Structures are given as C-alpha cells and as structure tokens.
PDB file of all heavy atoms in Angstrom:
ATOM      1  N   PRO A   1       4.086  55.707  27.129  1.00  0.00           N
ATOM      2  CA  PRO A   1       4.428  54.967  25.908  1.00  0.00           C
ATOM      3  C   PRO A   1       3.381  53.904  25.597  1.00  0.00           C
ATOM      4  O   PRO A   1       2.652  53.455  26.477  1.00  0.00           O
ATOM      5  CB  PRO A   1       5.778  54.329  26.234  1.00  0.00           C
ATOM      6  CG  PRO A   1       5.894  54.369  27.708  1.00  0.00           C
ATOM      7  CD  PRO A   1       5.003  55.447  28.220  1.00  0.00           C
ATOM      8  N   ARG A   2       3.336  53.507  24.339  1.00  0.00           N
ATOM      9  CA  ARG A   2       2.381  52.491  23.902  1.00  0.00           C
ATOM     10  C   ARG A   2       3.041  51.130  23.867  1.00  0.00           C
ATOM     11  O   ARG A   2       4.248  51.008  23.766  1.00  0.00           O
ATOM     12  CB  ARG A   2       1.879  52.840  22.502  1.00  0.00           C
ATOM     13  CG  ARG A   2       1.085  54.107  22.483  1.00  0.00           C
ATOM     14  CD  ARG A   2       0.793  54.559  21.085  1.00  0.00           C
ATOM     15  NE  ARG A   2       0.190  53.515  20.283  1.00  0.00           N
ATOM     16  CZ  ARG A   2      -0.246  53.693  19.057  1.00  0.00           C
ATOM     17  NH1 ARG A   2      -0.167  54.866  18.507  1.00  0.00           N
ATOM     18  NH2 ARG A   2      -0.754  52.701  18.378  1.00  0.00           N
ATOM     19  N   ARG A   3       2.227  50.099  23.935  1.00  0.00           N
ATOM     20  CA  ARG A   3       2.659  48.707  23.764  1.00  0.00           C
ATOM     21  C   ARG A   3       3.764  48.312  24.733  1.00  0.00           C
ATOM     22  O   ARG A   3       4.769  47.740  24.345  1.00  0.00           O
ATOM     23  CB  ARG A   3       3.087  48.472  22.322  1.00  0.00           C
ATOM     24  CG  ARG A   3       1.964  48.697  21.339  1.00  0.00           C
ATOM     25  CD  ARG A   3       2.428  48.529  19.910  1.00  0.00           C
ATOM     26  NE  ARG A   3       1.345  48.784  18.992  1.00  0.00           N
ATOM     27  CZ  ARG A   3       1.121  49.961  18.431  1.00  0.00           C
ATOM     28  NH1 ARG A   3       1.895  50.982  18.695  1.00  0.00           N
ATOM     29  NH2 ARG A   3       0.117  50.113  17.608  1.00  0.00           N
ATOM     30  N   ILE A   4       3.589  48.650  25.974  1.00  0.00           N
ATOM     31  CA  ILE A   4       4.534  48.275  27.023  1.00  0.00           C
ATOM     32  C   ILE A   4       3.840  47.259  27.914  1.00  0.00           C
ATOM     33  O   ILE A   4       2.685  47.429  28.289  1.00  0.00           O
ATOM     34  CB  ILE A   4       4.969  49.505  27.856  1.00  0.00           C
ATOM     35  CG1 ILE A   4       5.568  50.578  26.959  1.00  0.00           C
ATOM     36  CG2 ILE A   4       5.918  49.110  28.956  1.00  0.00           C
ATOM     37  CD1 ILE A   4       6.867  50.215  26.321  1.00  0.00           C
ATOM     38  N   PHE A   5       4.554  46.211  28.307  1.00  0.00           N
ATOM     39  CA  PHE A   5       3.939  45.125  29.067  1.00  0.00           C
ATOM     40  C   PHE A   5       3.632  45.518  30.510  1.00  0.00           C
ATOM     41  O   PHE A   5       2.634  45.120  31.068  1.00  0.00           O
ATOM     42  CB  PHE A   5       4.855  43.897  29.045  1.00  0.00           C
ATOM     43  CG  PHE A   5       4.300  42.743  29.809  1.00  0.00           C
ATOM     44  CD1 PHE A   5       3.178  42.069  29.356  1.00  0.00           C
ATOM     45  CD2 PHE A   5       4.872  42.341  30.993  1.00  0.00           C
ATOM     46  CE1 PHE A   5       2.653  41.009  30.054  1.00  0.00           C
ATOM     47  CE2 PHE A   5       4.347  41.270  31.700  1.00  0.00           C
ATOM     48  CZ  PHE A   5       3.243  40.612  31.226  1.00  0.00           C
ATOM     49  N   THR A   6       4.473  46.298  31.141  1.00  0.00           N
ATOM     50  CA  THR A   6       4.304  46.618  32.557  1.00  0.00           C
ATOM     51  C   THR A   6       3.538  47.922  32.746  1.00  0.00           C
ATOM     52  O   THR A   6       3.536  48.774  31.867  1.00  0.00           O
ATOM     53  CB  THR A   6       5.678  46.725  33.255  1.00  0.00           C
ATOM     54  OG1 THR A   6       5.469  47.044  34.621  1.00  0.00           O
ATOM     55  CG2 THR A   6       6.531  47.820  32.628  1.00  0.00           C
ATOM     56  N   ASP A   7       2.881  48.046  33.868  1.00  0.00           N
ATOM     57  CA  ASP A   7       2.221  49.316  34.160  1.00  0.00           C
ATOM     58  C   ASP A   7       2.915  50.082  35.286  1.00  0.00           C
ATOM     59  O   ASP A   7       2.512  51.165  35.647  1.00  0.00           O
ATOM     60  CB  ASP A   7       0.752  49.110  34.498  1.00  0.00           C
ATOM     61  CG  ASP A   7       0.563  48.327  35.783  1.00  0.00           C
ATOM     62  OD1 ASP A   7       1.532  47.714  36.241  1.00  0.00           O
ATOM     63  OD2 ASP A   7      -0.547  48.340  36.308  1.00  0.00           O
ATOM     64  N   SER A   8       3.980  49.512  35.841  1.00  0.00           N
ATOM     65  CA  SER A   8       4.670  50.201  36.933  1.00  0.00           C
ATOM     66  C   SER A   8       5.788  51.103  36.426  1.00  0.00           C
ATOM     67  O   SER A   8       6.165  52.054  37.100  1.00  0.00           O
ATOM     68  CB  SER A   8       5.255  49.179  37.912  1.00  0.00           C
ATOM     69  OG  SER A   8       6.280  48.436  37.286  1.00  0.00           O
ATOM     70  N   TYR A   9       6.351  50.800  35.259  1.00  0.00           N
ATOM     71  CA  TYR A   9       7.433  51.587  34.671  1.00  0.00           C
ATOM     72  C   TYR A   9       8.564  51.801  35.677  1.00  0.00           C
ATOM     73  O   TYR A   9       9.072  52.906  35.845  1.00  0.00           O
ATOM     74  CB  TYR A   9       6.922  52.936  34.142  1.00  0.00           C
ATOM     75  CG  TYR A   9       5.899  52.766  33.054  1.00  0.00           C
ATOM     76  CD1 TYR A   9       4.534  52.838  33.341  1.00  0.00           C
ATOM     77  CD2 TYR A   9       6.279  52.500  31.753  1.00  0.00           C
ATOM     78  CE1 TYR A   9       3.588  52.661  32.346  1.00  0.00           C
ATOM     79  CE2 TYR A   9       5.340  52.320  30.757  1.00  0.00           C
ATOM     80  CZ  TYR A   9       4.007  52.410  31.067  1.00  0.00           C
ATOM     81  OH  TYR A   9       3.078  52.226  30.081  1.00  0.00           O
ATOM     82  N   ASN A  10       8.932  50.723  36.377  1.00  0.00           N
ATOM     83  CA  ASN A  10      10.013  50.732  37.360  1.00  0.00           C
ATOM     84  C   ASN A  10       9.829  51.801  38.433  1.00  0.00           C
ATOM     85  O   ASN A  10      10.775  52.426  38.883  1.00  0.00           O
ATOM     86  CB  ASN A  10      11.370  50.908  36.665  1.00  0.00           C
ATOM     87  CG  ASN A  10      11.720  49.714  35.821  1.00  0.00           C
ATOM     88  OD1 ASN A  10      11.358  48.591  36.162  1.00  0.00           O
ATOM     89  ND2 ASN A  10      12.409  49.944  34.721  1.00  0.00           N
ATOM     90  N   GLY A  11       8.607  52.040  38.833  1.00  0.00           N
ATOM     91  CA  GLY A  11       8.320  52.973  39.914  1.00  0.00           C
ATOM     92  C   GLY A  11       8.430  54.439  39.537  1.00  0.00           C
ATOM     93  O   GLY A  11       8.543  55.299  40.420  1.00  0.00           O
ATOM     94  N   ALA A  12       8.398  54.754  38.250  1.00  0.00           N
ATOM     95  CA  ALA A  12       8.493  56.151  37.816  1.00  0.00           C
ATOM     96  C   ALA A  12       7.311  56.942  38.357  1.00  0.00           C
ATOM     97  O   ALA A  12       6.177  56.464  38.343  1.00  0.00           O
ATOM     98  CB  ALA A  12       8.533  56.232  36.296  1.00  0.00           C
ATOM     99  N   PRO A  13       7.548  58.164  38.877  1.00  0.00           N
ATOM    100  CA  PRO A  13       6.447  58.947  39.452  1.00  0.00           C
ATOM    101  C   PRO A  13       5.361  59.290  38.433  1.00  0.00           C
ATOM    102  O   PRO A  13       4.188  59.358  38.776  1.00  0.00           O
ATOM    103  CB  PRO A  13       7.118  60.212  39.985  1.00  0.00           C
ATOM    104  CG  PRO A  13       8.540  60.156  39.597  1.00  0.00           C
ATOM    105  CD  PRO A  13       8.836  58.833  39.011  1.00  0.00           C
ATOM    106  N   GLN A  14       5.761  59.500  37.188  1.00  0.00           N
ATOM    107  CA  GLN A  14       4.769  59.820  36.162  1.00  0.00           C
ATOM    108  C   GLN A  14       3.793  58.661  35.965  1.00  0.00           C
ATOM    109  O   GLN A  14       2.627  58.866  35.686  1.00  0.00           O
ATOM    110  CB  GLN A  14       5.481  60.143  34.842  1.00  0.00           C
ATOM    111  CG  GLN A  14       4.563  60.530  33.712  1.00  0.00           C
ATOM    112  CD  GLN A  14       3.873  61.856  33.941  1.00  0.00           C
ATOM    113  OE1 GLN A  14       4.356  62.703  34.690  1.00  0.00           O
ATOM    114  NE2 GLN A  14       2.728  62.035  33.331  1.00  0.00           N
ATOM    115  N   ALA A  15       4.267  57.427  36.155  1.00  0.00           N
ATOM    116  CA  ALA A  15       3.419  56.251  35.962  1.00  0.00           C
ATOM    117  C   ALA A  15       2.296  56.204  36.983  1.00  0.00           C
ATOM    118  O   ALA A  15       1.233  55.634  36.710  1.00  0.00           O
ATOM    119  CB  ALA A  15       4.255  54.981  36.032  1.00  0.00           C
ATOM    120  N   GLN A  16       2.490  56.780  38.145  1.00  0.00           N
ATOM    121  CA  GLN A  16       1.424  56.821  39.157  1.00  0.00           C
ATOM    122  C   GLN A  16       0.225  57.611  38.641  1.00  0.00           C
ATOM    123  O   GLN A  16      -0.921  57.272  38.920  1.00  0.00           O
ATOM    124  CB  GLN A  16       1.959  57.447  40.455  1.00  0.00           C
ATOM    125  CG  GLN A  16       3.121  56.688  41.075  1.00  0.00           C
ATOM    126  CD  GLN A  16       2.761  55.264  41.435  1.00  0.00           C
ATOM    127  OE1 GLN A  16       1.675  55.004  41.927  1.00  0.00           O
ATOM    128  NE2 GLN A  16       3.665  54.332  41.160  1.00  0.00           N
ATOM    129  N   ILE A  17       0.490  58.662  37.884  1.00  0.00           N
ATOM    130  CA  ILE A  17      -0.602  59.475  37.320  1.00  0.00           C
ATOM    131  C   ILE A  17      -1.354  58.679  36.254  1.00  0.00           C
ATOM    132  O   ILE A  17      -2.573  58.762  36.158  1.00  0.00           O
ATOM    133  CB  ILE A  17      -0.029  60.779  36.731  1.00  0.00           C
ATOM    134  CG1 ILE A  17       0.629  61.603  37.836  1.00  0.00           C
ATOM    135  CG2 ILE A  17      -1.115  61.586  36.030  1.00  0.00           C
ATOM    136  CD1 ILE A  17       1.422  62.784  37.340  1.00  0.00           C
ATOM    137  N   TRP A  18      -0.622  57.869  35.492  1.00  0.00           N
ATOM    138  CA  TRP A  18      -1.250  57.118  34.407  1.00  0.00           C
ATOM    139  C   TRP A  18      -2.093  55.958  34.909  1.00  0.00           C
ATOM    140  O   TRP A  18      -3.038  55.553  34.241  1.00  0.00           O
ATOM    141  CB  TRP A  18      -0.197  56.545  33.469  1.00  0.00           C
ATOM    142  CG  TRP A  18       0.714  57.541  32.845  1.00  0.00           C
ATOM    143  CD1 TRP A  18       0.439  58.853  32.568  1.00  0.00           C
ATOM    144  CD2 TRP A  18       2.045  57.315  32.414  1.00  0.00           C
ATOM    145  NE1 TRP A  18       1.515  59.445  31.999  1.00  0.00           N
ATOM    146  CE2 TRP A  18       2.530  58.523  31.891  1.00  0.00           C
ATOM    147  CE3 TRP A  18       2.882  56.215  32.424  1.00  0.00           C
ATOM    148  CZ2 TRP A  18       3.800  58.662  31.367  1.00  0.00           C
ATOM    149  CZ3 TRP A  18       4.153  56.346  31.894  1.00  0.00           C
ATOM    150  CH2 TRP A  18       4.607  57.552  31.379  1.00  0.00           C
ATOM    151  N   GLN A  19      -1.786  55.400  36.056  1.00  0.00           N
ATOM    152  CA  GLN A  19      -2.446  54.171  36.498  1.00  0.00           C
ATOM    153  C   GLN A  19      -3.952  54.329  36.667  1.00  0.00           C
ATOM    154  O   GLN A  19      -4.725  53.459  36.263  1.00  0.00           O
ATOM    155  CB  GLN A  19      -1.800  53.654  37.775  1.00  0.00           C
ATOM    156  CG  GLN A  19      -0.488  52.967  37.519  1.00  0.00           C
ATOM    157  CD  GLN A  19       0.136  52.407  38.780  1.00  0.00           C
ATOM    158  OE1 GLN A  19      -0.282  52.737  39.885  1.00  0.00           O
ATOM    159  NE2 GLN A  19       1.146  51.566  38.609  1.00  0.00           N
ATOM    160  N   GLY A  20      -4.393  55.423  37.242  1.00  0.00           N
ATOM    161  CA  GLY A  20      -5.838  55.629  37.395  1.00  0.00           C
ATOM    162  C   GLY A  20      -6.540  55.742  36.058  1.00  0.00           C
ATOM    163  O   GLY A  20      -7.632  55.194  35.850  1.00  0.00           O
ATOM    164  N   LEU A  21      -5.895  56.439  35.122  1.00  0.00           N
ATOM    165  CA  LEU A  21      -6.493  56.606  33.800  1.00  0.00           C
ATOM    166  C   LEU A  21      -6.498  55.295  33.015  1.00  0.00           C
ATOM    167  O   LEU A  21      -7.447  55.012  32.277  1.00  0.00           O
ATOM    168  CB  LEU A  21      -5.744  57.690  33.026  1.00  0.00           C
ATOM    169  CG  LEU A  21      -5.905  59.102  33.588  1.00  0.00           C
ATOM    170  CD1 LEU A  21      -4.957  60.075  32.904  1.00  0.00           C
ATOM    171  CD2 LEU A  21      -7.333  59.573  33.449  1.00  0.00           C
ATOM    172  N   THR A  22      -5.450  54.493  33.186  1.00  0.00           N
ATOM    173  CA  THR A  22      -5.448  53.210  32.468  1.00  0.00           C
ATOM    174  C   THR A  22      -6.515  52.266  33.029  1.00  0.00           C
ATOM    175  O   THR A  22      -7.008  51.410  32.300  1.00  0.00           O
ATOM    176  CB  THR A  22      -4.066  52.536  32.514  1.00  0.00           C
ATOM    177  OG1 THR A  22      -3.640  52.412  33.864  1.00  0.00           O
ATOM    178  CG2 THR A  22      -3.043  53.324  31.728  1.00  0.00           C
ATOM    179  N   ARG A  23      -6.872  52.434  34.276  1.00  0.00           N
ATOM    180  CA  ARG A  23      -7.980  51.629  34.821  1.00  0.00           C
ATOM    181  C   ARG A  23      -9.302  52.016  34.158  1.00  0.00           C
ATOM    182  O   ARG A  23     -10.156  51.159  33.895  1.00  0.00           O
ATOM    183  CB  ARG A  23      -8.049  51.795  36.334  1.00  0.00           C
ATOM    184  CG  ARG A  23      -6.937  51.072  37.055  1.00  0.00           C
ATOM    185  CD  ARG A  23      -7.106  51.105  38.559  1.00  0.00           C
ATOM    186  NE  ARG A  23      -5.943  50.501  39.184  1.00  0.00           N
ATOM    187  CZ  ARG A  23      -5.045  51.166  39.907  1.00  0.00           C
ATOM    188  NH1 ARG A  23      -5.198  52.460  40.120  1.00  0.00           N
ATOM    189  NH2 ARG A  23      -4.011  50.546  40.423  1.00  0.00           N
ATOM    190  N   VAL A  24      -9.473  53.318  33.894  1.00  0.00           N
ATOM    191  CA  VAL A  24     -10.672  53.768  33.181  1.00  0.00           C
ATOM    192  C   VAL A  24     -10.671  53.193  31.768  1.00  0.00           C
ATOM    193  O   VAL A  24     -11.705  52.749  31.258  1.00  0.00           O
ATOM    194  CB  VAL A  24     -10.754  55.313  33.163  1.00  0.00           C
ATOM    195  CG1 VAL A  24     -11.904  55.790  32.299  1.00  0.00           C
ATOM    196  CG2 VAL A  24     -10.886  55.863  34.576  1.00  0.00           C
ATOM    197  N   SER A  25      -9.499  53.171  31.129  1.00  0.00           N
ATOM    198  CA  SER A  25      -9.390  52.583  29.796  1.00  0.00           C
ATOM    199  C   SER A  25      -9.732  51.095  29.834  1.00  0.00           C
ATOM    200  O   SER A  25     -10.409  50.584  28.941  1.00  0.00           O
ATOM    201  CB  SER A  25      -7.973  52.793  29.260  1.00  0.00           C
ATOM    202  OG  SER A  25      -7.835  52.194  28.001  1.00  0.00           O
ATOM    203  N   ALA A  26      -9.273  50.402  30.862  1.00  0.00           N
ATOM    204  CA  ALA A  26      -9.593  48.974  31.006  1.00  0.00           C
ATOM    205  C   ALA A  26     -11.095  48.790  31.197  1.00  0.00           C
ATOM    206  O   ALA A  26     -11.684  47.834  30.662  1.00  0.00           O
ATOM    207  CB  ALA A  26      -8.826  48.376  32.172  1.00  0.00           C
ATOM    208  N   LEU A  27     -11.734  49.681  31.945  1.00  0.00           N
ATOM    209  CA  LEU A  27     -13.186  49.622  32.099  1.00  0.00           C
ATOM    210  C   LEU A  27     -13.865  49.785  30.740  1.00  0.00           C
ATOM    211  O   LEU A  27     -14.838  49.084  30.426  1.00  0.00           O
ATOM    212  CB  LEU A  27     -13.670  50.701  33.076  1.00  0.00           C
ATOM    213  CG  LEU A  27     -15.173  50.854  33.216  1.00  0.00           C
ATOM    214  CD1 LEU A  27     -15.776  49.594  33.823  1.00  0.00           C
ATOM    215  CD2 LEU A  27     -15.508  52.076  34.052  1.00  0.00           C
ATOM    216  N   GLY A  28     -13.341  50.695  29.911  1.00  0.00           N
ATOM    217  CA  GLY A  28     -13.868  50.848  28.557  1.00  0.00           C
ATOM    218  C   GLY A  28     -13.746  49.570  27.756  1.00  0.00           C
ATOM    219  O   GLY A  28     -14.645  49.204  27.008  1.00  0.00           O
ATOM    220  N   GLY A  29     -12.623  48.856  27.936  1.00  0.00           N
ATOM    221  CA  GLY A  29     -12.450  47.579  27.256  1.00  0.00           C
ATOM    222  C   GLY A  29     -13.468  46.543  27.705  1.00  0.00           C
ATOM    223  O   GLY A  29     -13.976  45.767  26.900  1.00  0.00           O
ATOM    224  N   VAL A  30     -13.775  46.548  28.993  1.00  0.00           N
ATOM    225  CA  VAL A  30     -14.785  45.620  29.520  1.00  0.00           C
ATOM    226  C   VAL A  30     -16.164  45.956  28.937  1.00  0.00           C
ATOM    227  O   VAL A  30     -16.930  45.058  28.553  1.00  0.00           O
ATOM    228  CB  VAL A  30     -14.802  45.653  31.063  1.00  0.00           C
ATOM    229  CG1 VAL A  30     -15.990  44.895  31.616  1.00  0.00           C
ATOM    230  CG2 VAL A  30     -13.500  45.102  31.618  1.00  0.00           C
ATOM    231  N   VAL A  31     -16.484  47.250  28.861  1.00  0.00           N
ATOM    232  CA  VAL A  31     -17.768  47.674  28.286  1.00  0.00           C
ATOM    233  C   VAL A  31     -17.838  47.267  26.812  1.00  0.00           C
ATOM    234  O   VAL A  31     -18.874  46.797  26.332  1.00  0.00           O
ATOM    235  CB  VAL A  31     -17.975  49.193  28.472  1.00  0.00           C
ATOM    236  CG1 VAL A  31     -19.196  49.685  27.724  1.00  0.00           C
ATOM    237  CG2 VAL A  31     -18.083  49.536  29.955  1.00  0.00           C
ATOM    238  N   LEU A  32     -16.727  47.440  26.076  1.00  0.00           N
ATOM    239  CA  LEU A  32     -16.693  47.021  24.675  1.00  0.00           C
ATOM    240  C   LEU A  32     -16.903  45.511  24.538  1.00  0.00           C
ATOM    241  O   LEU A  32     -17.635  45.049  23.650  1.00  0.00           O
ATOM    242  CB  LEU A  32     -15.359  47.408  24.040  1.00  0.00           C
ATOM    243  CG  LEU A  32     -15.188  48.881  23.708  1.00  0.00           C
ATOM    244  CD1 LEU A  32     -13.741  49.183  23.353  1.00  0.00           C
ATOM    245  CD2 LEU A  32     -16.105  49.286  22.574  1.00  0.00           C
ATOM    246  N   PHE A  33     -16.271  44.747  25.408  1.00  0.00           N
ATOM    247  CA  PHE A  33     -16.427  43.294  25.377  1.00  0.00           C
ATOM    248  C   PHE A  33     -17.882  42.899  25.645  1.00  0.00           C
ATOM    249  O   PHE A  33     -18.436  42.029  24.964  1.00  0.00           O
ATOM    250  CB  PHE A  33     -15.487  42.641  26.387  1.00  0.00           C
ATOM    251  CG  PHE A  33     -15.472  41.156  26.316  1.00  0.00           C
ATOM    252  CD1 PHE A  33     -14.772  40.504  25.311  1.00  0.00           C
ATOM    253  CD2 PHE A  33     -16.162  40.398  27.246  1.00  0.00           C
ATOM    254  CE1 PHE A  33     -14.759  39.120  25.239  1.00  0.00           C
ATOM    255  CE2 PHE A  33     -16.157  39.013  27.183  1.00  0.00           C
ATOM    256  CZ  PHE A  33     -15.456  38.371  26.176  1.00  0.00           C
ATOM    257  N   ALA A  34     -18.498  43.550  26.631  1.00  0.00           N
ATOM    258  CA  ALA A  34     -19.905  43.261  26.938  1.00  0.00           C
ATOM    259  C   ALA A  34     -20.796  43.617  25.754  1.00  0.00           C
ATOM    260  O   ALA A  34     -21.717  42.866  25.400  1.00  0.00           O
ATOM    261  CB  ALA A  34     -20.339  44.024  28.185  1.00  0.00           C
ATOM    262  N   SER A  35     -20.531  44.754  25.119  1.00  0.00           N
ATOM    263  CA  SER A  35     -21.324  45.167  23.967  1.00  0.00           C
ATOM    264  C   SER A  35     -21.157  44.190  22.816  1.00  0.00           C
ATOM    265  O   SER A  35     -22.134  43.851  22.133  1.00  0.00           O
ATOM    266  CB  SER A  35     -20.906  46.571  23.531  1.00  0.00           C
ATOM    267  OG  SER A  35     -21.615  46.963  22.386  1.00  0.00           O
ATOM    268  N   ALA A  36     -19.931  43.730  22.577  1.00  0.00           N
ATOM    269  CA  ALA A  36     -19.708  42.738  21.519  1.00  0.00           C
ATOM    270  C   ALA A  36     -20.468  41.450  21.832  1.00  0.00           C
ATOM    271  O   ALA A  36     -21.034  40.814  20.929  1.00  0.00           O
ATOM    272  CB  ALA A  36     -18.212  42.453  21.365  1.00  0.00           C
ATOM    273  N   GLY A  37     -20.496  41.062  23.085  1.00  0.00           N
ATOM    274  CA  GLY A  37     -21.263  39.883  23.483  1.00  0.00           C
ATOM    275  C   GLY A  37     -22.739  40.050  23.205  1.00  0.00           C
ATOM    276  O   GLY A  37     -23.411  39.117  22.734  1.00  0.00           O
ATOM    277  N   LEU A  38     -23.279  41.230  23.498  1.00  0.00           N
ATOM    278  CA  LEU A  38     -24.693  41.497  23.212  1.00  0.00           C
ATOM    279  C   LEU A  38     -24.960  41.433  21.714  1.00  0.00           C
ATOM    280  O   LEU A  38     -25.987  40.896  21.275  1.00  0.00           O
ATOM    281  CB  LEU A  38     -25.097  42.865  23.762  1.00  0.00           C
ATOM    282  CG  LEU A  38     -25.077  43.024  25.277  1.00  0.00           C
ATOM    283  CD1 LEU A  38     -25.483  44.441  25.668  1.00  0.00           C
ATOM    284  CD2 LEU A  38     -25.982  42.018  25.947  1.00  0.00           C
ATOM    285  N   PHE A  39     -24.040  41.977  20.918  1.00  0.00           N
ATOM    286  CA  PHE A  39     -24.199  41.927  19.460  1.00  0.00           C
ATOM    287  C   PHE A  39     -24.271  40.478  18.977  1.00  0.00           C
ATOM    288  O   PHE A  39     -25.146  40.118  18.190  1.00  0.00           O
ATOM    289  CB  PHE A  39     -23.048  42.674  18.780  1.00  0.00           C
ATOM    290  CG  PHE A  39     -23.056  42.546  17.284  1.00  0.00           C
ATOM    291  CD1 PHE A  39     -23.989  43.223  16.522  1.00  0.00           C
ATOM    292  CD2 PHE A  39     -22.133  41.747  16.645  1.00  0.00           C
ATOM    293  CE1 PHE A  39     -24.002  43.098  15.136  1.00  0.00           C
ATOM    294  CE2 PHE A  39     -22.128  41.612  15.275  1.00  0.00           C
ATOM    295  CZ  PHE A  39     -23.069  42.297  14.521  1.00  0.00           C
TER     296      PHE A  39
END
C-alpha cells in the first residue's frame, strides 16, 4: 500500500519481501537529493 507510516506492517510476511525493495527506493531518493544539491 501507499502512504503508510510503518514499514513492518505488523509483521506481515509479505512486508518482508517489500523491505529490501523499499531500501533500494530510499537509495534512489538519496541519489535524487544529491543530484538536486549539485543542480
């Protein structure tokens, strides 16, 4: 789901699969922030 505050989803097994991918998304956010800083 979108716009949810927690990343654990009350220990749901499906959330374990999402956690690694959301870390990649967070890395993308860091890269975007760095690029905006360079701009």
